Amino acid sequence: MALQYRQIDAASLHYLPASAQHPADTFFHFSFANYCNPENVNFGVLRVLNDDDVLPHSGFDKHPHRNMEIVSYVVSGKLTHWDSATDVEDVLQRGHVQTVTAGAGVWHSEMNNYDEHCRFLQIWILPPASGLPVRYENHKFDAADRLNKLLHIVGNPTSQNEAPLYLNQDINFYVSELTDLEARVSFSLKAGRQAYINNFEGAVDIDGVATLEERDALEIVGPAEMTFALAAEEAHFIIIEMEATEPQQ
């Protein structure tokens, strides 16, 4: 069976510049907000991947969510999160991760209260059921946890002992930051599984088959054995792995 994948170049992403109504320069990987594309709504249970560069002293003020699972990964700057489930403000920085199961309904905010820009990935996952209990958690990973190796940041009820955070959906998140020219990171995608790979800093080579520049992505259906290596001075990427819904060839 030939390797089945589709590369998405950053130039094809929908870009929305910051404005008075929208506090971030955002690249939309999937149909969202004013970007409406019925042919690009989701990849399996991955519904949203927004690459947000939030302006200083602005952000996404208190707003509601329901029946969605949300993961935020901070790329740079500081993100202040508040939610109605905990009624606590928490500041997340580079490499820190938060998960929210909106379930029956939750209010939250994501604000940049500082003088520098804050860039983060906002990722929405379709839940396995409606009305799930609301839950918020975060984990403040160290840079060494992901440096030149693959870090399992978010698991699911089956794999929750393998990662400090988990969602209810059958999904796994991994990140890696490569800086060593000799470093190699391997990932095995099993049959019946698929993955969305987004490189958001630098450039990464995947088996000499695909090179992902900044904000490029790859949709791939298993089985596949992948090895990641530098294609520039650095590479920082995320793998979102889930049950396959795309047909195999």
C-alpha atoms as a PDB file:
ATOM      1  CA  MET A   1       0.000   0.000   0.000  1.00  0.00           C
ATOM      2  CA  ALA A   2       1.435   3.404  -1.006  1.00  0.00           C
ATOM      3  CA  LEU A   3       1.883   6.051   1.633  1.00  0.00           C
ATOM      4  CA  GLN A   4      -1.295   8.141   1.700  1.00  0.00           C
ATOM      5  CA  TYR A   5      -0.798  11.790   2.588  1.00  0.00           C
ATOM      6  CA  ARG A   6      -1.745  15.303   1.550  1.00  0.00           C
ATOM      7  CA  GLN A   7       0.473  18.324   2.192  1.00  0.00           C
ATOM      8  CA  ILE A   8      -1.098  21.684   3.004  1.00  0.00           C
ATOM      9  CA  ASP A   9       1.104  24.694   2.286  1.00  0.00           C
ATOM     10  CA  ALA A  10       0.840  27.736   4.525  1.00  0.00           C
ATOM     11  CA  ALA A  11       0.003  29.908   1.510  1.00  0.00           C
ATOM     12  CA  SER A  12      -3.279  28.010   1.160  1.00  0.00           C
ATOM     13  CA  LEU A  13      -4.370  28.736   4.741  1.00  0.00           C
ATOM     14  CA  HIS A  14      -6.980  31.417   5.284  1.00  0.00           C
ATOM     15  CA  TYR A  15      -5.409  34.506   6.917  1.00  0.00           C
ATOM     16  CA  LEU A  16      -7.294  37.127   8.909  1.00  0.00           C
ATOM     17  CA  PRO A  17      -5.329  40.206  10.028  1.00  0.00           C
ATOM     18  CA  ALA A  18      -5.954  41.775  13.404  1.00  0.00           C
ATOM     19  CA  SER A  19      -8.631  44.447  13.613  1.00  0.00           C
ATOM     20  CA  ALA A  20     -10.744  46.226  16.175  1.00  0.00           C
ATOM     21  CA  GLN A  21     -13.136  43.270  16.089  1.00  0.00           C
ATOM     22  CA  HIS A  22     -10.459  40.569  15.902  1.00  0.00           C
ATOM     23  CA  PRO A  23      -7.453  40.962  18.262  1.00  0.00           C
ATOM     24  CA  ALA A  24      -5.154  38.471  16.520  1.00  0.00           C
ATOM     25  CA  ASP A  25      -3.426  37.808  13.222  1.00  0.00           C
ATOM     26  CA  THR A  26      -4.833  34.338  12.590  1.00  0.00           C
ATOM     27  CA  PHE A  27      -4.151  31.526  10.127  1.00  0.00           C
ATOM     28  CA  PHE A  28      -7.166  29.197   9.893  1.00  0.00           C
ATOM     29  CA  HIS A  29      -6.387  25.578   8.959  1.00  0.00           C
ATOM     30  CA  PHE A  30     -10.126  24.752   8.808  1.00  0.00           C
ATOM     31  CA  SER A  31     -13.365  26.615   8.148  1.00  0.00           C
ATOM     32  CA  PHE A  32     -13.956  28.989  11.074  1.00  0.00           C
ATOM     33  CA  ALA A  33     -15.431  32.420  11.846  1.00  0.00           C
ATOM     34  CA  ASN A  34     -15.451  34.508   8.644  1.00  0.00           C
ATOM     35  CA  TYR A  35     -13.640  31.734   6.750  1.00  0.00           C
ATOM     36  CA  CYS A  36     -16.436  29.514   5.462  1.00  0.00           C
ATOM     37  CA  ASN A  37     -15.319  26.612   3.277  1.00  0.00           C
ATOM     38  CA  PRO A  38     -17.653  23.589   3.165  1.00  0.00           C
ATOM     39  CA  GLU A  39     -14.862  21.533   1.572  1.00  0.00           C
ATOM     40  CA  ASN A  40     -12.464  22.188   4.462  1.00  0.00           C
ATOM     41  CA  VAL A  41     -14.437  21.734   7.677  1.00  0.00           C
ATOM     42  CA  ASN A  42     -12.493  19.075   9.561  1.00  0.00           C
ATOM     43  CA  PHE A  43     -10.030  16.184   9.460  1.00  0.00           C
ATOM     44  CA  GLY A  44     -11.668  13.386  11.405  1.00  0.00           C
ATOM     45  CA  VAL A  45     -12.530  14.702  14.875  1.00  0.00           C
ATOM     46  CA  LEU A  46     -10.118  17.619  14.413  1.00  0.00           C
ATOM     47  CA  ARG A  47     -12.512  20.512  13.838  1.00  0.00           C
ATOM     48  CA  VAL A  48     -10.379  23.658  14.366  1.00  0.00           C
ATOM     49  CA  LEU A  49      -6.700  24.564  14.267  1.00  0.00           C
ATOM     50  CA  ASN A  50      -6.180  28.311  14.490  1.00  0.00           C
ATOM     51  CA  ASP A  51      -2.676  29.792  14.647  1.00  0.00           C
ATOM     52  CA  ASP A  52      -3.291  33.017  16.604  1.00  0.00           C
ATOM     53  CA  ASP A  53      -0.790  35.862  17.059  1.00  0.00           C
ATOM     54  CA  VAL A  54      -2.545  37.941  19.749  1.00  0.00           C
ATOM     55  CA  LEU A  55      -1.767  41.639  19.955  1.00  0.00           C
ATOM     56  CA  PRO A  56      -0.411  43.069  23.228  1.00  0.00           C
ATOM     57  CA  HIS A  57      -3.070  44.008  25.801  1.00  0.00           C
ATOM     58  CA  SER A  58      -5.870  42.323  23.885  1.00  0.00           C
ATOM     59  CA  GLY A  59      -7.296  38.877  23.343  1.00  0.00           C
ATOM     60  CA  PHE A  60     -10.426  36.789  23.401  1.00  0.00           C
ATOM     61  CA  ASP A  61     -12.535  38.106  26.273  1.00  0.00           C
ATOM     62  CA  LYS A  62     -15.082  36.015  28.179  1.00  0.00           C
ATOM     63  CA  HIS A  63     -17.191  33.912  25.811  1.00  0.00           C
ATOM     64  CA  PRO A  64     -19.110  30.607  26.033  1.00  0.00           C
ATOM     65  CA  HIS A  65     -18.372  27.142  24.637  1.00  0.00           C
ATOM     66  CA  ARG A  66     -20.431  23.971  24.675  1.00  0.00           C
ATOM     67  CA  ASN A  67     -19.915  20.376  23.495  1.00  0.00           C
ATOM     68  CA  MET A  68     -16.339  20.805  22.303  1.00  0.00           C
ATOM     69  CA  GLU A  69     -12.922  19.774  23.617  1.00  0.00           C
ATOM     70  CA  ILE A  70     -10.267  22.491  23.330  1.00  0.00           C
ATOM     71  CA  VAL A  71      -6.485  22.342  23.474  1.00  0.00           C
ATOM     72  CA  SER A  72      -4.273  25.449  23.531  1.00  0.00           C
ATOM     73  CA  TYR A  73      -0.513  25.298  22.963  1.00  0.00           C
ATOM     74  CA  VAL A  74       1.478  28.464  23.631  1.00  0.00           C
ATOM     75  CA  VAL A  75       4.213  29.109  21.061  1.00  0.00           C
ATOM     76  CA  SER A  76       5.505  32.439  22.390  1.00  0.00           C
ATOM     77  CA  GLY A  77       4.599  35.195  24.845  1.00  0.00           C
ATOM     78  CA  LYS A  78       2.182  34.835  27.746  1.00  0.00           C
ATOM     79  CA  LEU A  79      -1.469  33.794  27.648  1.00  0.00           C
ATOM     80  CA  THR A  80      -3.727  34.514  30.629  1.00  0.00           C
ATOM     81  CA  HIS A  81      -6.573  32.009  30.842  1.00  0.00           C
ATOM     82  CA  TRP A  82      -9.739  32.215  32.941  1.00  0.00           C
ATOM     83  CA  ASP A  83     -12.702  29.842  32.967  1.00  0.00           C
ATOM     84  CA  SER A  84     -15.959  29.622  34.881  1.00  0.00           C
ATOM     85  CA  ALA A  85     -15.253  26.037  35.990  1.00  0.00           C
ATOM     86  CA  THR A  86     -12.342  27.071  38.216  1.00  0.00           C
ATOM     87  CA  ASP A  87     -12.828  30.877  38.400  1.00  0.00           C
ATOM     88  CA  VAL A  88      -9.031  31.172  38.475  1.00  0.00           C
ATOM     89  CA  GLU A  89      -6.670  33.106  36.199  1.00  0.00           C
ATOM     90  CA  ASP A  90      -3.530  31.270  35.118  1.00  0.00           C
ATOM     91  CA  VAL A  91      -0.635  32.471  32.949  1.00  0.00           C
ATOM     92  CA  LEU A  92       0.731  30.060  30.344  1.00  0.00           C
ATOM     93  CA  GLN A  93       4.011  30.516  28.471  1.00  0.00           C
ATOM     94  CA  ARG A  94       5.982  28.820  25.674  1.00  0.00           C
ATOM     95  CA  GLY A  95       5.346  25.086  25.549  1.00  0.00           C
ATOM     96  CA  HIS A  96       2.578  25.185  28.149  1.00  0.00           C
ATOM     97  CA  VAL A  97      -0.680  23.388  27.336  1.00  0.00           C
ATOM     98  CA  GLN A  98      -4.263  23.742  28.515  1.00  0.00           C
ATOM     99  CA  THR A  99      -7.251  21.462  27.907  1.00  0.00           C
ATOM    100  CA  VAL A 100     -10.924  22.340  28.286  1.00  0.00           C
ATOM    101  CA  THR A 101     -13.846  19.950  28.006  1.00  0.00           C
ATOM    102  CA  ALA A 102     -16.664  22.439  27.418  1.00  0.00           C
ATOM    103  CA  GLY A 103     -19.348  19.730  27.618  1.00  0.00           C
ATOM    104  CA  ALA A 104     -22.509  21.044  29.238  1.00  0.00           C
ATOM    105  CA  GLY A 105     -21.234  24.624  28.890  1.00  0.00           C
ATOM    106  CA  VAL A 106     -18.403  26.827  30.128  1.00  0.00           C
ATOM    107  CA  TRP A 107     -17.275  30.444  29.837  1.00  0.00           C
ATOM    108  CA  HIS A 108     -13.598  31.246  29.388  1.00  0.00           C
ATOM    109  CA  SER A 109     -11.199  33.934  28.205  1.00  0.00           C
ATOM    110  CA  GLU A 110      -7.722  33.924  26.656  1.00  0.00           C
ATOM    111  CA  MET A 111      -5.983  37.276  27.040  1.00  0.00           C
ATOM    112  CA  ASN A 112      -2.566  38.731  26.310  1.00  0.00           C
ATOM    113  CA  ASN A 113      -2.103  41.205  29.159  1.00  0.00           C
ATOM    114  CA  TYR A 114       1.524  41.963  28.333  1.00  0.00           C
ATOM    115  CA  ASP A 115       3.598  44.246  26.081  1.00  0.00           C
ATOM    116  CA  GLU A 116       4.805  41.532  23.700  1.00  0.00           C
ATOM    117  CA  HIS A 117       2.808  39.485  21.210  1.00  0.00           C
ATOM    118  CA  CYS A 118       1.464  36.078  22.244  1.00  0.00           C
ATOM    119  CA  ARG A 119       1.213  33.289  19.692  1.00  0.00           C
ATOM    120  CA  PHE A 120      -0.727  30.126  20.428  1.00  0.00           C
ATOM    121  CA  LEU A 121      -2.408  27.233  18.657  1.00  0.00           C
ATOM    122  CA  GLN A 122      -6.140  26.991  19.368  1.00  0.00           C
ATOM    123  CA  ILE A 123      -7.341  23.452  18.592  1.00  0.00           C
ATOM    124  CA  TRP A 124     -10.922  22.160  18.805  1.00  0.00           C
ATOM    125  CA  ILE A 125     -11.785  18.480  18.937  1.00  0.00           C
ATOM    126  CA  LEU A 126     -15.277  17.045  18.445  1.00  0.00           C
ATOM    127  CA  PRO A 127     -16.294  15.205  21.656  1.00  0.00           C
ATOM    128  CA  PRO A 128     -17.478  11.572  21.757  1.00  0.00           C
ATOM    129  CA  ALA A 129     -20.781  12.635  23.361  1.00  0.00           C
ATOM    130  CA  SER A 130     -22.809  15.727  24.240  1.00  0.00           C
ATOM    131  CA  GLY A 131     -23.172  17.163  27.725  1.00  0.00           C
ATOM    132  CA  LEU A 132     -19.901  15.825  29.151  1.00  0.00           C
ATOM    133  CA  PRO A 133     -18.796  17.173  32.562  1.00  0.00           C
ATOM    134  CA  VAL A 134     -16.881  20.443  32.258  1.00  0.00           C
ATOM    135  CA  ARG A 135     -13.174  20.067  33.025  1.00  0.00           C
ATOM    136  CA  TYR A 136     -10.169  22.416  32.785  1.00  0.00           C
ATOM    137  CA  GLU A 137      -6.544  21.416  33.269  1.00  0.00           C
ATOM    138  CA  ASN A 138      -3.121  22.707  32.241  1.00  0.00           C
ATOM    139  CA  HIS A 139       0.458  21.510  32.357  1.00  0.00           C
ATOM    140  CA  LYS A 140       3.548  23.721  32.252  1.00  0.00           C
ATOM    141  CA  PHE A 141       6.071  21.604  30.383  1.00  0.00           C
ATOM    142  CA  ASP A 142       9.768  22.460  30.424  1.00  0.00           C
ATOM    143  CA  ALA A 143      11.622  23.016  27.142  1.00  0.00           C
ATOM    144  CA  ALA A 144      13.829  19.992  27.877  1.00  0.00           C
ATOM    145  CA  ASP A 145      10.730  17.767  27.826  1.00  0.00           C
ATOM    146  CA  ARG A 146      10.336  18.205  24.038  1.00  0.00           C
ATOM    147  CA  LEU A 147      13.876  19.168  22.928  1.00  0.00           C
ATOM    148  CA  ASN A 148      15.071  16.766  20.212  1.00  0.00           C
ATOM    149  CA  LYS A 149      12.495  14.159  21.261  1.00  0.00           C
ATOM    150  CA  LEU A 150       8.785  13.484  20.936  1.00  0.00           C
ATOM    151  CA  LEU A 151       6.646  14.531  23.907  1.00  0.00           C
ATOM    152  CA  HIS A 152       3.161  13.097  24.501  1.00  0.00           C
ATOM    153  CA  ILE A 153       1.278  16.136  25.817  1.00  0.00           C
ATOM    154  CA  VAL A 154      -2.395  15.083  25.610  1.00  0.00           C
ATOM    155  CA  GLY A 155      -3.861  11.584  25.737  1.00  0.00           C
ATOM    156  CA  ASN A 156      -7.325  10.038  25.975  1.00  0.00           C
ATOM    157  CA  PRO A 157      -9.106   7.878  28.573  1.00  0.00           C
ATOM    158  CA  THR A 158      -7.130   4.830  27.375  1.00  0.00           C
ATOM    159  CA  SER A 159      -3.721   6.543  27.243  1.00  0.00           C
ATOM    160  CA  GLN A 160      -4.162   9.099  30.036  1.00  0.00           C
ATOM    161  CA  ASN A 161      -1.414   7.438  32.090  1.00  0.00           C
ATOM    162  CA  GLU A 162       1.034   8.196  29.276  1.00  0.00           C
ATOM    163  CA  ALA A 163       0.454  11.967  29.246  1.00  0.00           C
ATOM    164  CA  PRO A 164      -0.273  14.543  31.977  1.00  0.00           C
ATOM    165  CA  LEU A 165      -3.384  15.826  30.192  1.00  0.00           C
ATOM    166  CA  TYR A 166      -6.231  13.990  28.477  1.00  0.00           C
ATOM    167  CA  LEU A 167      -9.445  14.484  26.520  1.00  0.00           C
ATOM    168  CA  ASN A 168     -12.523  12.266  26.364  1.00  0.00           C
ATOM    169  CA  GLN A 169     -12.091  11.769  22.617  1.00  0.00           C
ATOM    170  CA  ASP A 170      -9.902   8.983  21.171  1.00  0.00           C
ATOM    171  CA  ILE A 171      -7.015  11.267  20.256  1.00  0.00           C
ATOM    172  CA  ASN A 172      -3.360  11.916  21.114  1.00  0.00           C
ATOM    173  CA  PHE A 173      -1.204  15.037  20.839  1.00  0.00           C
ATOM    174  CA  TYR A 174       2.593  15.023  20.547  1.00  0.00           C
ATOM    175  CA  VAL A 175       5.080  17.889  20.128  1.00  0.00           C
ATOM    176  CA  SER A 176       8.768  18.106  19.356  1.00  0.00           C
ATOM    177  CA  GLU A 177      11.285  20.928  19.059  1.00  0.00           C
ATOM    178  CA  LEU A 178      14.347  19.976  17.035  1.00  0.00           C
ATOM    179  CA  THR A 179      17.567  21.986  17.313  1.00  0.00           C
ATOM    180  CA  ASP A 180      20.258  19.325  16.789  1.00  0.00           C
ATOM    181  CA  LEU A 181      21.221  18.518  13.189  1.00  0.00           C
ATOM    182  CA  GLU A 182      21.819  14.901  14.169  1.00  0.00           C
ATOM    183  CA  ALA A 183      18.504  14.513  16.010  1.00  0.00           C
ATOM    184  CA  ARG A 184      15.914  12.096  14.649  1.00  0.00           C
ATOM    185  CA  VAL A 185      12.385  11.658  15.997  1.00  0.00           C
ATOM    186  CA  SER A 186      10.324   8.629  14.986  1.00  0.00           C
ATOM    187  CA  PHE A 187       6.572   8.174  15.021  1.00  0.00           C
ATOM    188  CA  SER A 188       4.539   5.077  14.177  1.00  0.00           C
ATOM    189  CA  LEU A 189       1.033   5.602  12.797  1.00  0.00           C
ATOM    190  CA  LYS A 190      -0.947   2.371  12.970  1.00  0.00           C
ATOM    191  CA  ALA A 191      -3.457   1.060  10.465  1.00  0.00           C
ATOM    192  CA  GLY A 192      -6.896   2.495  11.121  1.00  0.00           C
ATOM    193  CA  ARG A 193      -5.388   5.733  12.459  1.00  0.00           C
ATOM    194  CA  GLN A 194      -4.712   9.113  10.884  1.00  0.00           C
ATOM    195  CA  ALA A 195      -2.691  12.175  11.889  1.00  0.00           C
ATOM    196  CA  TYR A 196      -2.557  15.902  11.244  1.00  0.00           C
ATOM    197  CA  ILE A 197       1.003  17.206  11.456  1.00  0.00           C
ATOM    198  CA  ASN A 198       1.545  20.974  11.706  1.00  0.00           C
ATOM    199  CA  ASN A 199       5.021  22.494  11.694  1.00  0.00           C
ATOM    200  CA  PHE A 200       4.671  25.977  13.193  1.00  0.00           C
ATOM    201  CA  GLU A 201       8.310  27.096  13.554  1.00  0.00           C
ATOM    202  CA  GLY A 202      11.318  26.472  11.332  1.00  0.00           C
ATOM    203  CA  ALA A 203      11.229  23.574   8.883  1.00  0.00           C
ATOM    204  CA  VAL A 204      11.126  19.787   9.262  1.00  0.00           C
ATOM    205  CA  ASP A 205      11.868  16.939   6.848  1.00  0.00           C
ATOM    206  CA  ILE A 206       9.726  13.792   7.007  1.00  0.00           C
ATOM    207  CA  ASP A 207      11.527  10.769   5.566  1.00  0.00           C
ATOM    208  CA  GLY A 208      12.779  12.800   2.613  1.00  0.00           C
ATOM    209  CA  VAL A 209       9.213  12.575   1.263  1.00  0.00           C
ATOM    210  CA  ALA A 210       7.827  15.867   2.542  1.00  0.00           C
ATOM    211  CA  THR A 211       9.317  19.075   3.915  1.00  0.00           C
ATOM    212  CA  LEU A 212       7.107  21.263   6.076  1.00  0.00           C
ATOM    213  CA  GLU A 213       8.000  24.942   6.304  1.00  0.00           C
ATOM    214  CA  GLU A 214       6.508  27.262   8.919  1.00  0.00           C
ATOM    215  CA  ARG A 215       2.711  26.720   9.180  1.00  0.00           C
ATOM    216  CA  ASP A 216       2.709  23.922   6.600  1.00  0.00           C
ATOM    217  CA  ALA A 217       0.725  20.807   7.517  1.00  0.00           C
ATOM    218  CA  LEU A 218       0.374  17.186   6.483  1.00  0.00           C
ATOM    219  CA  GLU A 219      -2.680  14.926   6.572  1.00  0.00           C
ATOM    220  CA  ILE A 220      -1.634  11.276   6.652  1.00  0.00           C
ATOM    221  CA  VAL A 221      -3.474   7.968   6.983  1.00  0.00           C
ATOM    222  CA  GLY A 222      -1.788   4.907   8.508  1.00  0.00           C
ATOM    223  CA  PRO A 223      -0.074   2.617   8.513  1.00  0.00           C
ATOM    224  CA  ALA A 224       3.079   4.713   8.275  1.00  0.00           C
ATOM    225  CA  GLU A 225       6.495   4.851   9.927  1.00  0.00           C
ATOM    226  CA  MET A 226       7.838   8.398   9.992  1.00  0.00           C
ATOM    227  CA  THR A 227      11.191   9.918  10.901  1.00  0.00           C
ATOM    228  CA  PHE A 228      11.508  13.659  11.454  1.00  0.00           C
ATOM    229  CA  ALA A 229      14.745  15.631  10.987  1.00  0.00           C
ATOM    230  CA  LEU A 230      15.743  19.263  10.671  1.00  0.00           C
ATOM    231  CA  ALA A 231      15.317  21.008   7.339  1.00  0.00           C
ATOM    232  CA  ALA A 232      16.458  24.365   8.774  1.00  0.00           C
ATOM    233  CA  GLU A 233      18.121  25.612  11.963  1.00  0.00           C
ATOM    234  CA  GLU A 234      15.094  24.594  14.026  1.00  0.00           C
ATOM    235  CA  ALA A 235      11.752  22.838  13.791  1.00  0.00           C
ATOM    236  CA  HIS A 236       8.775  22.918  16.170  1.00  0.00           C
ATOM    237  CA  PHE A 237       5.812  20.734  15.251  1.00  0.00           C
ATOM    238  CA  ILE A 238       2.698  19.038  16.614  1.00  0.00           C
ATOM    239  CA  ILE A 239       1.200  15.644  15.722  1.00  0.00           C
ATOM    240  CA  ILE A 240      -2.535  15.134  16.320  1.00  0.00           C
ATOM    241  CA  GLU A 241      -3.297  11.411  16.021  1.00  0.00           C
ATOM    242  CA  MET A 242      -6.815   9.924  15.939  1.00  0.00           C
ATOM    243  CA  GLU A 243      -9.047   7.188  14.543  1.00  0.00           C
ATOM    244  CA  ALA A 244      -9.045   7.188  10.741  1.00  0.00           C
ATOM    245  CA  THR A 245     -12.074   8.503   8.922  1.00  0.00           C
ATOM    246  CA  GLU A 246     -10.330   9.122   5.609  1.00  0.00           C
ATOM    247  CA  PRO A 247     -10.485   6.139   3.211  1.00  0.00           C
ATOM    248  CA  GLN A 248      -7.311   4.142   2.681  1.00  0.00           C
ATOM    249  CA  GLN A 249      -6.010   3.633  -0.827  1.00  0.00           C
END
